[in-house]
N, C-alpha and C. Protein backbone atom coordinates (compact mmCIF):
# COMPACT_ATOMS: atom_id res chain seq x y z
N MET A 1 -12.36 20.71 8.53
CA MET A 1 -13.56 21.17 9.19
C MET A 1 -13.18 22.30 10.14
N THR A 2 -14.03 23.32 10.18
CA THR A 2 -13.74 24.44 11.07
C THR A 2 -13.82 24.01 12.53
N LYS A 3 -13.26 24.84 13.37
CA LYS A 3 -13.46 24.70 14.80
C LYS A 3 -14.93 25.00 15.05
N SER A 4 -15.53 24.42 16.06
CA SER A 4 -16.97 24.59 16.28
C SER A 4 -17.34 25.97 16.81
N THR A 5 -16.35 26.73 17.27
CA THR A 5 -16.61 28.07 17.77
C THR A 5 -15.92 29.09 16.85
N PHE A 6 -16.42 30.30 16.87
CA PHE A 6 -15.83 31.37 16.09
C PHE A 6 -14.69 32.00 16.88
N PHE A 7 -13.70 32.54 16.19
CA PHE A 7 -12.61 33.23 16.88
C PHE A 7 -12.02 34.29 15.96
N VAL A 8 -11.25 35.20 16.53
CA VAL A 8 -10.80 36.41 15.85
C VAL A 8 -9.98 36.16 14.59
N GLU A 9 -9.02 35.29 14.61
CA GLU A 9 -8.13 35.08 13.47
C GLU A 9 -8.66 34.06 12.45
N GLU A 10 -9.86 33.58 12.65
CA GLU A 10 -10.36 32.46 11.84
C GLU A 10 -10.37 32.75 10.34
N ASP A 11 -10.83 33.91 9.93
CA ASP A 11 -10.89 34.21 8.50
C ASP A 11 -9.48 34.22 7.88
N LYS A 12 -8.51 34.75 8.59
CA LYS A 12 -7.13 34.80 8.09
C LYS A 12 -6.56 33.38 7.95
N ILE A 13 -6.83 32.55 8.95
CA ILE A 13 -6.31 31.18 8.93
C ILE A 13 -6.96 30.39 7.79
N ILE A 14 -8.27 30.51 7.65
CA ILE A 14 -8.97 29.78 6.58
C ILE A 14 -8.45 30.22 5.21
N THR A 15 -8.29 31.51 5.01
CA THR A 15 -7.76 32.01 3.74
C THR A 15 -6.37 31.44 3.49
N ALA A 16 -5.53 31.44 4.51
CA ALA A 16 -4.17 30.89 4.38
C ALA A 16 -4.20 29.40 4.08
N LEU A 17 -5.13 28.66 4.70
CA LEU A 17 -5.25 27.23 4.43
C LEU A 17 -5.64 26.99 2.97
N PHE A 18 -6.56 27.78 2.45
CA PHE A 18 -6.91 27.65 1.03
C PHE A 18 -5.70 27.97 0.15
N ASP A 19 -4.95 28.99 0.53
CA ASP A 19 -3.74 29.34 -0.23
C ASP A 19 -2.72 28.21 -0.20
N GLU A 20 -2.71 27.43 0.88
CA GLU A 20 -1.76 26.32 1.03
C GLU A 20 -2.26 25.02 0.40
N GLY A 21 -3.46 25.03 -0.20
CA GLY A 21 -3.94 23.85 -0.91
C GLY A 21 -5.12 23.13 -0.32
N LEU A 22 -5.80 23.72 0.66
CA LEU A 22 -7.01 23.10 1.20
C LEU A 22 -8.03 22.94 0.08
N ASP A 23 -8.56 21.72 -0.07
CA ASP A 23 -9.52 21.43 -1.14
C ASP A 23 -10.94 21.86 -0.80
N ASN A 24 -11.37 21.52 0.41
CA ASN A 24 -12.77 21.69 0.78
C ASN A 24 -12.83 21.94 2.27
N LEU A 25 -13.50 22.99 2.66
CA LEU A 25 -13.68 23.32 4.07
C LEU A 25 -15.13 23.09 4.45
N HIS A 26 -15.35 22.36 5.52
CA HIS A 26 -16.70 22.21 6.06
C HIS A 26 -16.89 23.28 7.13
N LEU A 27 -17.82 24.19 6.88
CA LEU A 27 -18.17 25.23 7.83
C LEU A 27 -19.14 24.62 8.83
N TYR A 28 -18.59 24.25 9.99
CA TYR A 28 -19.35 23.52 11.01
C TYR A 28 -19.36 24.34 12.30
N LYS A 29 -20.47 24.99 12.56
CA LYS A 29 -20.65 25.81 13.76
C LYS A 29 -21.99 25.44 14.39
N PRO A 30 -22.05 24.28 15.05
CA PRO A 30 -23.33 23.79 15.54
C PRO A 30 -24.02 24.78 16.49
N ASN A 31 -25.29 24.99 16.24
CA ASN A 31 -26.17 25.81 17.06
C ASN A 31 -25.77 27.29 17.11
N ALA A 32 -24.94 27.73 16.19
CA ALA A 32 -24.54 29.14 16.16
C ALA A 32 -25.57 29.94 15.37
N SER A 33 -25.65 31.20 15.68
CA SER A 33 -26.52 32.09 14.93
C SER A 33 -25.99 32.19 13.50
N PRO A 34 -26.89 32.15 12.51
CA PRO A 34 -26.42 32.27 11.12
C PRO A 34 -25.70 33.59 10.85
N MET A 35 -26.00 34.61 11.63
CA MET A 35 -25.36 35.91 11.46
C MET A 35 -23.83 35.78 11.59
N TYR A 36 -23.36 34.93 12.49
CA TYR A 36 -21.92 34.79 12.68
C TYR A 36 -21.28 34.04 11.50
N SER A 37 -21.99 33.06 10.98
CA SER A 37 -21.47 32.36 9.79
C SER A 37 -21.41 33.31 8.60
N GLU A 38 -22.45 34.13 8.45
CA GLU A 38 -22.45 35.11 7.36
C GLU A 38 -21.28 36.08 7.52
N ARG A 39 -21.04 36.51 8.72
CA ARG A 39 -19.93 37.44 8.97
C ARG A 39 -18.60 36.81 8.57
N LEU A 40 -18.39 35.55 8.97
CA LEU A 40 -17.16 34.86 8.62
C LEU A 40 -17.03 34.76 7.09
N LEU A 41 -18.10 34.40 6.42
CA LEU A 41 -18.06 34.27 4.97
C LEU A 41 -17.72 35.59 4.29
N THR A 42 -18.25 36.70 4.80
CA THR A 42 -17.97 38.00 4.18
C THR A 42 -16.50 38.40 4.34
N LEU A 43 -15.80 37.82 5.31
CA LEU A 43 -14.40 38.14 5.53
C LEU A 43 -13.46 37.30 4.65
N LEU A 44 -14.00 36.28 4.00
CA LEU A 44 -13.20 35.42 3.14
C LEU A 44 -13.23 35.92 1.70
N PRO A 45 -12.16 35.69 0.95
CA PRO A 45 -12.18 36.05 -0.48
C PRO A 45 -13.27 35.26 -1.21
N ASP A 46 -13.92 35.89 -2.16
CA ASP A 46 -15.01 35.25 -2.91
C ASP A 46 -14.59 33.93 -3.54
N GLU A 47 -13.34 33.81 -3.99
CA GLU A 47 -12.90 32.58 -4.66
C GLU A 47 -12.86 31.37 -3.71
N CYS A 48 -12.98 31.61 -2.43
CA CYS A 48 -13.01 30.49 -1.46
C CYS A 48 -14.39 29.82 -1.41
N TYR A 49 -15.43 30.56 -1.74
CA TYR A 49 -16.79 30.08 -1.54
C TYR A 49 -17.08 28.74 -2.22
N GLU A 50 -16.57 28.57 -3.42
CA GLU A 50 -16.86 27.33 -4.16
C GLU A 50 -16.17 26.11 -3.56
N ARG A 51 -15.38 26.32 -2.51
CA ARG A 51 -14.72 25.21 -1.83
C ARG A 51 -15.18 25.07 -0.38
N ILE A 52 -16.36 25.60 -0.07
CA ILE A 52 -16.90 25.53 1.29
C ILE A 52 -18.23 24.77 1.28
N THR A 53 -18.33 23.81 2.16
CA THR A 53 -19.55 23.04 2.38
C THR A 53 -20.11 23.47 3.73
N VAL A 54 -21.38 23.78 3.78
CA VAL A 54 -21.97 24.33 5.00
C VAL A 54 -22.83 23.28 5.72
N HIS A 55 -22.70 23.24 7.03
CA HIS A 55 -23.56 22.45 7.92
C HIS A 55 -24.54 23.47 8.52
N GLU A 56 -25.81 23.16 8.54
CA GLU A 56 -26.84 24.08 9.05
C GLU A 56 -26.93 25.33 8.17
N HIS A 57 -27.96 26.10 8.36
CA HIS A 57 -28.16 27.37 7.64
C HIS A 57 -27.89 27.19 6.14
N PHE A 58 -28.60 26.23 5.57
CA PHE A 58 -28.35 25.82 4.19
C PHE A 58 -28.59 26.94 3.17
N TYR A 59 -29.36 27.96 3.52
CA TYR A 59 -29.58 29.07 2.59
C TYR A 59 -28.26 29.75 2.22
N LEU A 60 -27.24 29.61 3.08
CA LEU A 60 -25.94 30.21 2.80
C LEU A 60 -25.32 29.65 1.53
N LYS A 61 -25.67 28.41 1.21
CA LYS A 61 -25.12 27.76 0.00
C LYS A 61 -25.47 28.61 -1.22
N GLU A 62 -26.73 28.97 -1.35
CA GLU A 62 -27.17 29.76 -2.51
C GLU A 62 -26.72 31.21 -2.39
N GLU A 63 -26.84 31.76 -1.21
CA GLU A 63 -26.52 33.18 -1.03
C GLU A 63 -25.06 33.50 -1.33
N TYR A 64 -24.15 32.56 -1.02
CA TYR A 64 -22.73 32.82 -1.23
C TYR A 64 -22.11 31.95 -2.33
N GLY A 65 -22.92 31.14 -2.97
CA GLY A 65 -22.38 30.28 -4.03
C GLY A 65 -21.42 29.23 -3.48
N LEU A 66 -21.77 28.65 -2.34
CA LEU A 66 -20.91 27.65 -1.71
C LEU A 66 -20.95 26.34 -2.47
N ARG A 67 -20.01 25.47 -2.17
CA ARG A 67 -19.89 24.18 -2.86
C ARG A 67 -21.11 23.29 -2.65
N GLY A 68 -21.58 23.21 -1.40
CA GLY A 68 -22.71 22.34 -1.12
C GLY A 68 -23.08 22.38 0.35
N ILE A 69 -23.91 21.40 0.73
CA ILE A 69 -24.38 21.30 2.12
C ILE A 69 -24.03 19.94 2.68
N ASN A 70 -23.94 19.87 4.00
CA ASN A 70 -23.74 18.61 4.70
C ASN A 70 -24.88 18.43 5.69
N ILE A 71 -25.51 17.27 5.61
CA ILE A 71 -26.55 16.91 6.58
C ILE A 71 -25.89 15.97 7.58
N ASP A 72 -26.07 16.27 8.87
CA ASP A 72 -25.30 15.60 9.91
C ASP A 72 -25.87 14.26 10.39
N ASP A 73 -26.66 13.61 9.57
CA ASP A 73 -27.13 12.25 9.89
C ASP A 73 -27.62 11.58 8.60
N ALA A 74 -28.05 10.34 8.74
CA ALA A 74 -28.50 9.59 7.56
C ALA A 74 -29.99 9.73 7.29
N TYR A 75 -30.72 10.36 8.19
CA TYR A 75 -32.19 10.31 8.12
C TYR A 75 -32.87 11.62 7.77
N THR A 76 -32.26 12.73 8.05
CA THR A 76 -32.88 14.02 7.78
C THR A 76 -33.05 14.20 6.27
N ALA A 77 -34.25 14.62 5.88
CA ALA A 77 -34.53 14.83 4.46
C ALA A 77 -33.74 16.03 3.94
N MET A 78 -33.45 15.98 2.66
CA MET A 78 -32.81 17.11 2.01
C MET A 78 -33.77 18.30 2.07
N PRO A 79 -33.24 19.51 2.10
CA PRO A 79 -34.12 20.68 2.07
C PRO A 79 -34.99 20.65 0.81
N GLU A 80 -36.21 21.05 0.97
CA GLU A 80 -37.16 21.05 -0.14
C GLU A 80 -36.63 21.90 -1.29
N LYS A 81 -36.73 21.40 -2.49
CA LYS A 81 -36.32 22.09 -3.72
C LYS A 81 -34.82 22.35 -3.80
N TYR A 82 -34.03 21.69 -2.95
CA TYR A 82 -32.58 21.90 -2.99
C TYR A 82 -32.01 21.26 -4.23
N LYS A 83 -31.16 22.00 -4.90
CA LYS A 83 -30.43 21.48 -6.05
C LYS A 83 -28.97 21.81 -5.81
N GLY A 84 -28.15 20.81 -5.81
CA GLY A 84 -26.73 21.05 -5.61
C GLY A 84 -26.08 19.88 -4.91
N LYS A 85 -24.82 20.05 -4.60
CA LYS A 85 -24.05 18.97 -3.99
C LYS A 85 -24.45 18.79 -2.54
N ILE A 86 -24.50 17.53 -2.15
CA ILE A 86 -24.87 17.19 -0.79
C ILE A 86 -23.93 16.11 -0.28
N CYS A 87 -23.61 16.20 0.98
CA CYS A 87 -22.91 15.10 1.64
C CYS A 87 -23.57 14.90 3.00
N ARG A 88 -23.24 13.78 3.61
CA ARG A 88 -23.81 13.46 4.92
C ARG A 88 -22.71 12.97 5.85
N THR A 89 -22.94 13.19 7.14
CA THR A 89 -22.09 12.62 8.18
C THR A 89 -22.87 11.47 8.79
N VAL A 90 -22.30 10.27 8.74
CA VAL A 90 -23.01 9.08 9.21
C VAL A 90 -22.09 8.20 10.04
N GLY A 91 -22.73 7.33 10.82
CA GLY A 91 -22.01 6.29 11.54
C GLY A 91 -21.91 5.06 10.65
N LEU A 92 -21.08 4.13 11.03
CA LEU A 92 -20.87 2.93 10.23
C LEU A 92 -22.16 2.16 10.02
N GLU A 93 -23.02 2.11 11.02
CA GLU A 93 -24.29 1.37 10.91
C GLU A 93 -25.22 1.97 9.85
N ASP A 94 -25.04 3.26 9.53
CA ASP A 94 -25.89 3.92 8.54
C ASP A 94 -25.22 4.10 7.18
N LEU A 95 -23.99 3.67 7.07
CA LEU A 95 -23.26 3.86 5.83
C LEU A 95 -23.62 2.74 4.85
N THR A 96 -24.47 3.07 3.91
CA THR A 96 -24.92 2.08 2.92
C THR A 96 -24.62 2.60 1.52
N LYS A 97 -24.66 1.70 0.58
CA LYS A 97 -24.46 2.09 -0.82
C LYS A 97 -25.57 3.02 -1.27
N ASP A 98 -26.77 2.85 -0.75
CA ASP A 98 -27.89 3.71 -1.11
C ASP A 98 -27.66 5.15 -0.63
N ILE A 99 -27.17 5.30 0.59
CA ILE A 99 -26.85 6.64 1.11
C ILE A 99 -25.79 7.28 0.22
N LYS A 100 -24.75 6.52 -0.12
CA LYS A 100 -23.66 7.08 -0.93
C LYS A 100 -24.13 7.48 -2.32
N LYS A 101 -25.09 6.75 -2.90
CA LYS A 101 -25.59 7.09 -4.23
C LYS A 101 -26.21 8.47 -4.27
N LYS A 102 -26.79 8.88 -3.15
CA LYS A 102 -27.50 10.15 -3.10
C LYS A 102 -26.60 11.32 -2.69
N CYS A 103 -25.33 11.04 -2.45
CA CYS A 103 -24.41 12.06 -1.97
C CYS A 103 -23.18 12.16 -2.86
N GLU A 104 -22.58 13.33 -2.87
CA GLU A 104 -21.29 13.48 -3.54
C GLU A 104 -20.25 12.63 -2.79
N TYR A 105 -20.31 12.68 -1.46
CA TYR A 105 -19.46 11.85 -0.60
C TYR A 105 -20.11 11.81 0.78
N VAL A 106 -19.65 10.90 1.62
CA VAL A 106 -20.14 10.81 2.99
C VAL A 106 -18.94 10.88 3.94
N LEU A 107 -19.19 11.45 5.11
CA LEU A 107 -18.18 11.50 6.16
C LEU A 107 -18.50 10.39 7.15
N LEU A 108 -17.59 9.46 7.32
CA LEU A 108 -17.78 8.37 8.28
C LEU A 108 -17.19 8.81 9.61
N LYS A 109 -18.07 9.04 10.58
CA LYS A 109 -17.61 9.57 11.86
C LYS A 109 -17.03 8.46 12.76
N ASN A 110 -16.28 8.89 13.74
CA ASN A 110 -15.71 8.01 14.77
C ASN A 110 -14.67 7.03 14.25
N CYS A 111 -14.02 7.35 13.16
CA CYS A 111 -13.05 6.41 12.60
C CYS A 111 -11.89 6.11 13.54
N PHE A 112 -11.27 7.14 14.08
CA PHE A 112 -10.10 6.93 14.93
C PHE A 112 -10.26 7.59 16.30
N ALA A 113 -11.38 8.22 16.53
CA ALA A 113 -11.67 8.83 17.84
C ALA A 113 -13.17 8.95 17.99
N SER A 114 -13.62 8.96 19.22
CA SER A 114 -15.06 9.03 19.48
C SER A 114 -15.58 10.45 19.32
N HIS A 115 -16.88 10.54 19.16
CA HIS A 115 -17.57 11.82 19.01
C HIS A 115 -18.86 11.72 19.82
N ASN A 116 -19.14 12.72 20.63
CA ASN A 116 -20.38 12.75 21.43
C ASN A 116 -20.60 11.46 22.21
N ASP A 117 -19.58 10.99 22.87
CA ASP A 117 -19.64 9.80 23.72
C ASP A 117 -19.92 8.51 22.95
N GLU A 118 -19.85 8.55 21.63
CA GLU A 118 -19.95 7.32 20.84
C GLU A 118 -18.55 6.73 20.75
N PRO A 119 -18.42 5.43 20.80
CA PRO A 119 -17.08 4.84 20.77
C PRO A 119 -16.42 4.97 19.39
N ALA A 120 -15.10 5.05 19.41
CA ALA A 120 -14.35 5.03 18.15
C ALA A 120 -14.50 3.66 17.52
N LEU A 121 -14.43 3.61 16.20
CA LEU A 121 -14.54 2.34 15.50
C LEU A 121 -13.28 1.51 15.72
N ASP A 122 -13.46 0.23 15.79
CA ASP A 122 -12.34 -0.70 15.91
C ASP A 122 -11.73 -0.87 14.52
N ILE A 123 -10.43 -1.04 14.44
CA ILE A 123 -9.76 -1.20 13.14
C ILE A 123 -10.34 -2.37 12.36
N ARG A 124 -10.73 -3.42 13.05
CA ARG A 124 -11.32 -4.58 12.36
C ARG A 124 -12.66 -4.22 11.70
N GLU A 125 -13.45 -3.36 12.37
CA GLU A 125 -14.70 -2.89 11.77
C GLU A 125 -14.42 -2.12 10.49
N LEU A 126 -13.39 -1.29 10.53
CA LEU A 126 -13.03 -0.52 9.34
C LEU A 126 -12.52 -1.43 8.23
N GLU A 127 -11.73 -2.43 8.57
CA GLU A 127 -11.22 -3.37 7.57
C GLU A 127 -12.37 -4.15 6.92
N LEU A 128 -13.34 -4.58 7.72
CA LEU A 128 -14.51 -5.29 7.17
C LEU A 128 -15.32 -4.39 6.24
N ALA A 129 -15.50 -3.14 6.65
CA ALA A 129 -16.24 -2.20 5.80
C ALA A 129 -15.50 -2.00 4.47
N ALA A 130 -14.19 -1.93 4.53
CA ALA A 130 -13.39 -1.77 3.30
C ALA A 130 -13.52 -3.02 2.43
N GLU A 131 -13.42 -4.19 3.04
CA GLU A 131 -13.54 -5.45 2.29
C GLU A 131 -14.90 -5.58 1.61
N ASN A 132 -15.94 -5.05 2.27
CA ASN A 132 -17.31 -5.15 1.73
C ASN A 132 -17.67 -3.99 0.80
N GLY A 133 -16.70 -3.15 0.47
CA GLY A 133 -16.94 -2.06 -0.46
C GLY A 133 -17.70 -0.89 0.12
N ILE A 134 -17.89 -0.88 1.44
CA ILE A 134 -18.59 0.24 2.08
C ILE A 134 -17.68 1.46 2.13
N ILE A 135 -16.40 1.24 2.41
CA ILE A 135 -15.42 2.31 2.36
C ILE A 135 -14.85 2.34 0.95
N ASP A 136 -14.95 3.51 0.33
CA ASP A 136 -14.43 3.69 -1.02
C ASP A 136 -14.09 5.15 -1.24
N LYS A 137 -13.85 5.54 -2.47
CA LYS A 137 -13.42 6.90 -2.78
C LYS A 137 -14.47 7.96 -2.42
N ARG A 138 -15.72 7.56 -2.23
CA ARG A 138 -16.78 8.51 -1.86
C ARG A 138 -17.04 8.52 -0.36
N THR A 139 -16.16 7.86 0.40
CA THR A 139 -16.26 7.83 1.85
C THR A 139 -15.02 8.49 2.44
N TYR A 140 -15.23 9.48 3.29
CA TYR A 140 -14.13 10.21 3.91
C TYR A 140 -14.06 9.85 5.39
N ALA A 141 -12.87 9.59 5.87
CA ALA A 141 -12.66 9.26 7.28
C ALA A 141 -12.73 10.53 8.12
N MET A 142 -13.46 10.44 9.23
CA MET A 142 -13.60 11.58 10.13
C MET A 142 -13.48 11.09 11.56
N GLY A 143 -12.80 11.86 12.38
CA GLY A 143 -12.69 11.52 13.79
C GLY A 143 -11.30 11.07 14.17
N GLY A 144 -10.53 11.97 14.74
CA GLY A 144 -9.22 11.62 15.25
C GLY A 144 -8.13 11.48 14.21
N LEU A 145 -8.33 12.01 13.02
CA LEU A 145 -7.31 11.89 11.98
C LEU A 145 -6.10 12.73 12.33
N ASN A 146 -4.92 12.17 12.12
CA ASN A 146 -3.66 12.86 12.38
C ASN A 146 -2.58 12.25 11.49
N LEU A 147 -1.37 12.76 11.62
CA LEU A 147 -0.26 12.27 10.78
C LEU A 147 -0.04 10.77 10.92
N GLU A 148 -0.29 10.23 12.10
CA GLU A 148 -0.03 8.81 12.35
C GLU A 148 -1.05 7.88 11.69
N ASN A 149 -2.30 8.31 11.56
CA ASN A 149 -3.29 7.37 11.03
C ASN A 149 -3.84 7.73 9.64
N ILE A 150 -3.37 8.81 9.04
CA ILE A 150 -3.80 9.13 7.68
C ILE A 150 -3.39 8.01 6.72
N LYS A 151 -2.20 7.45 6.93
CA LYS A 151 -1.74 6.36 6.07
C LYS A 151 -2.69 5.16 6.17
N THR A 152 -3.14 4.84 7.38
CA THR A 152 -4.09 3.75 7.57
C THR A 152 -5.39 4.03 6.82
N ALA A 153 -5.86 5.28 6.90
CA ALA A 153 -7.09 5.65 6.19
C ALA A 153 -6.92 5.46 4.69
N LYS A 154 -5.77 5.85 4.16
CA LYS A 154 -5.51 5.65 2.73
C LYS A 154 -5.48 4.17 2.37
N GLU A 155 -4.83 3.37 3.22
CA GLU A 155 -4.74 1.93 2.96
C GLU A 155 -6.11 1.26 3.01
N LEU A 156 -7.00 1.78 3.83
CA LEU A 156 -8.36 1.24 3.91
C LEU A 156 -9.21 1.62 2.69
N GLY A 157 -8.76 2.59 1.91
CA GLY A 157 -9.47 2.98 0.69
C GLY A 157 -10.35 4.20 0.82
N PHE A 158 -10.23 4.95 1.91
CA PHE A 158 -11.01 6.18 2.03
C PHE A 158 -10.63 7.14 0.92
N GLY A 159 -11.61 7.86 0.41
CA GLY A 159 -11.37 8.83 -0.65
C GLY A 159 -10.81 10.14 -0.15
N GLY A 160 -10.88 10.36 1.15
CA GLY A 160 -10.37 11.59 1.74
C GLY A 160 -10.44 11.50 3.25
N VAL A 161 -9.94 12.52 3.89
CA VAL A 161 -9.95 12.58 5.35
C VAL A 161 -10.42 13.95 5.81
N VAL A 162 -11.01 13.98 6.99
CA VAL A 162 -11.45 15.22 7.61
C VAL A 162 -10.52 15.51 8.78
N ILE A 163 -9.83 16.63 8.68
CA ILE A 163 -8.92 17.03 9.74
C ILE A 163 -9.60 18.13 10.54
N ASP A 164 -9.65 17.96 11.84
CA ASP A 164 -10.20 19.03 12.67
C ASP A 164 -9.30 19.27 13.87
N ASN A 165 -9.50 18.56 14.96
CA ASN A 165 -8.75 18.86 16.18
C ASN A 165 -7.24 18.78 16.01
N ASP A 166 -6.74 17.85 15.24
CA ASP A 166 -5.29 17.74 15.07
C ASP A 166 -4.71 19.03 14.48
N LEU A 167 -5.49 19.73 13.72
CA LEU A 167 -5.04 21.00 13.16
C LEU A 167 -5.31 22.15 14.13
N TRP A 168 -6.56 22.26 14.58
CA TRP A 168 -6.96 23.41 15.39
C TRP A 168 -6.31 23.41 16.77
N ASP A 169 -5.90 22.26 17.27
CA ASP A 169 -5.22 22.21 18.57
C ASP A 169 -3.83 22.86 18.51
N ARG A 170 -3.37 23.21 17.35
CA ARG A 170 -2.06 23.84 17.18
C ARG A 170 -2.14 25.37 17.26
N PHE A 171 -3.32 25.88 17.60
CA PHE A 171 -3.51 27.32 17.69
C PHE A 171 -4.44 27.61 18.87
N ASP A 172 -3.95 28.38 19.83
CA ASP A 172 -4.76 28.77 21.00
C ASP A 172 -5.55 30.03 20.64
N ILE A 173 -6.84 29.85 20.44
CA ILE A 173 -7.68 30.97 19.98
C ILE A 173 -7.75 32.10 20.99
N HIS A 174 -7.40 31.83 22.24
CA HIS A 174 -7.50 32.86 23.27
C HIS A 174 -6.19 33.63 23.48
N GLN A 175 -5.07 33.05 23.04
CA GLN A 175 -3.79 33.68 23.36
C GLN A 175 -2.85 33.90 22.17
N GLN A 176 -3.10 33.27 21.06
CA GLN A 176 -2.17 33.37 19.94
C GLN A 176 -2.70 34.24 18.81
N LEU A 177 -1.77 34.87 18.12
CA LEU A 177 -2.08 35.58 16.89
C LEU A 177 -1.29 34.97 15.73
N ASP A 178 -0.16 34.36 16.06
CA ASP A 178 0.71 33.75 15.05
C ASP A 178 0.25 32.31 14.80
N TYR A 179 -0.14 32.04 13.58
CA TYR A 179 -0.65 30.70 13.25
C TYR A 179 0.28 29.94 12.30
N LYS A 180 1.55 30.28 12.31
CA LYS A 180 2.52 29.60 11.44
C LYS A 180 2.62 28.12 11.78
N GLU A 181 2.59 27.77 13.07
CA GLU A 181 2.68 26.35 13.46
C GLU A 181 1.50 25.56 12.88
N LEU A 182 0.33 26.14 12.89
CA LEU A 182 -0.85 25.49 12.31
C LEU A 182 -0.66 25.27 10.82
N LEU A 183 -0.16 26.27 10.11
CA LEU A 183 0.05 26.15 8.67
C LEU A 183 1.14 25.13 8.34
N THR A 184 2.20 25.11 9.14
CA THR A 184 3.27 24.12 8.94
C THR A 184 2.73 22.71 9.13
N HIS A 185 1.90 22.54 10.15
CA HIS A 185 1.30 21.22 10.39
C HIS A 185 0.35 20.84 9.25
N PHE A 186 -0.42 21.81 8.76
CA PHE A 186 -1.31 21.53 7.63
C PHE A 186 -0.52 21.02 6.43
N GLU A 187 0.62 21.65 6.15
CA GLU A 187 1.45 21.24 5.03
C GLU A 187 1.91 19.79 5.20
N LYS A 188 2.28 19.41 6.41
CA LYS A 188 2.68 18.00 6.67
C LYS A 188 1.50 17.07 6.43
N LEU A 189 0.32 17.46 6.91
CA LEU A 189 -0.88 16.65 6.72
C LEU A 189 -1.19 16.50 5.22
N ARG A 190 -1.14 17.62 4.52
CA ARG A 190 -1.47 17.61 3.08
C ARG A 190 -0.53 16.70 2.30
N LYS A 191 0.74 16.73 2.64
CA LYS A 191 1.72 15.88 1.94
C LYS A 191 1.51 14.40 2.25
N SER A 192 0.91 14.11 3.39
CA SER A 192 0.73 12.70 3.78
C SER A 192 -0.53 12.09 3.19
N VAL A 193 -1.42 12.92 2.67
CA VAL A 193 -2.70 12.41 2.12
C VAL A 193 -2.51 11.82 0.76
């Protein structure tokens, strides 16, 4: 998942991440002007578009041939006449088999860290969800994923993981131009998945 703010080296880093094996990037820029997302997309190679899922500004999916859209809750209706891949970001209380049927995959938030003052999930809650078939290959762990807990996510049966802060915290957007440390860390993360 992208950093929530735009920054100068972002297009270069994203391109390098795709070159290093990134499968799917969630373009997540909450409350940003669509003009900035469009600008970022125009700086990326066209072959990256089919591996980008957009949050907000869903028209970008069609305009740039993106992979799909992500709706950031369990209740918002799909855009009218939308045809294409969809995923949702949900909490454990909203993660149902019915929600998963309507999505390519779902992002389960707060797995290992809290988001927006919501508490992180307890490991026992995650184990129960896995035992009950709620966590499966169409459920991706989101929230606090890092090298230490990716193995736990795999053991619980998650189909994938969402890496954000653990990756982006390795690059100071205000002072750095060299992002080799970020790419090296990505490679370690990728090998552990």
